[in-house]
Amino acid sequence: MIKRLKCLTNSHSVNRRRVWHDGHNYRTRCSACGTPLIRTFGEWRKFDVQRDAEDSRKMHPTTGEAV
């Protein structure tokens, strides 16, 4: 429950066990709410489909998910 409250303030919990490199950036999902995250300029932030989505990005190696 406390982790979910962090998510409401955009302080997502990085799931370090599921981090992968998509050819451009490191990506994962929040371990509390499942929100897709991307690491840019040394900071983790929410993955924005309109701004960040590109066809050249690789999918997750084991799950095959793109976002």
Protein backbone atom coordinates (compact mmCIF):
# COMPACT_ATOMS: atom_id res chain seq x y z
CA MET A 1 0.00 0.00 0.00
CA ILE A 2 2.78 2.46 0.87
CA LYS A 3 4.55 1.62 -2.40
CA ARG A 4 1.38 2.50 -4.32
CA LEU A 5 1.25 5.87 -2.58
CA LYS A 6 4.76 6.53 -3.87
CA CYS A 7 3.49 5.81 -7.38
CA LEU A 8 0.87 8.53 -7.06
CA THR A 9 3.67 11.05 -6.57
CA ASN A 10 5.62 9.69 -9.59
CA SER A 11 8.20 8.03 -7.34
CA HIS A 12 7.85 4.57 -8.85
CA SER A 13 9.82 1.58 -7.51
CA VAL A 14 12.24 0.30 -10.14
CA ASN A 15 12.03 -3.47 -10.61
CA ARG A 16 15.78 -4.10 -11.00
CA ARG A 17 15.29 -7.83 -11.71
CA ARG A 18 13.45 -7.04 -14.95
CA VAL A 19 15.65 -4.26 -16.37
CA TRP A 20 16.65 -4.70 -20.02
CA HIS A 21 18.30 -2.54 -22.66
CA ASP A 22 16.03 -1.92 -25.66
CA GLY A 23 18.82 -0.72 -27.95
CA HIS A 24 18.40 2.90 -26.86
CA ASN A 25 17.70 3.01 -23.11
CA TYR A 26 17.26 0.80 -20.06
CA ARG A 27 13.66 -0.15 -19.36
CA THR A 28 11.60 -1.93 -16.69
CA ARG A 29 8.25 -1.75 -14.91
CA CYS A 30 7.39 -0.35 -11.50
CA SER A 31 7.41 -3.20 -8.98
CA ALA A 32 4.39 -1.73 -7.15
CA CYS A 33 1.98 -0.73 -9.94
CA GLY A 34 3.44 -2.14 -13.18
CA THR A 35 3.88 1.22 -14.93
CA PRO A 36 6.48 1.03 -17.75
CA LEU A 37 9.64 2.98 -16.87
CA ILE A 38 12.60 4.21 -18.92
CA ARG A 39 15.99 5.48 -17.80
CA THR A 40 17.14 8.69 -19.48
CA PHE A 41 19.95 10.99 -18.41
CA GLY A 42 20.58 8.79 -15.34
CA GLU A 43 16.99 9.11 -14.05
CA TRP A 44 14.08 6.68 -14.14
CA ARG A 45 10.78 8.12 -15.39
CA LYS A 46 7.46 6.92 -16.76
CA PHE A 47 7.67 5.62 -20.35
CA ASP A 48 5.73 8.04 -22.57
CA VAL A 49 4.42 6.21 -25.64
CA GLN A 50 4.04 9.39 -27.71
CA ARG A 51 7.53 10.65 -26.92
CA ASP A 52 9.54 7.46 -26.45
CA ALA A 53 8.03 4.79 -28.72
CA GLU A 54 10.15 3.85 -31.74
CA ASP A 55 10.04 0.82 -34.02
CA SER A 56 13.78 0.27 -33.54
CA ARG A 57 13.41 -0.42 -29.79
CA LYS A 58 13.88 -4.08 -28.87
CA MET A 59 11.23 -5.94 -26.86
CA HIS A 60 11.86 -7.50 -23.46
CA PRO A 61 14.02 -10.60 -24.10
CA THR A 62 11.94 -13.06 -22.06
CA THR A 63 8.39 -11.70 -22.06
CA GLY A 64 8.38 -10.12 -25.54
CA GLU A 65 6.54 -7.05 -24.29
CA ALA A 66 7.33 -3.76 -26.02
CA VAL A 67 6.20 -1.36 -23.32
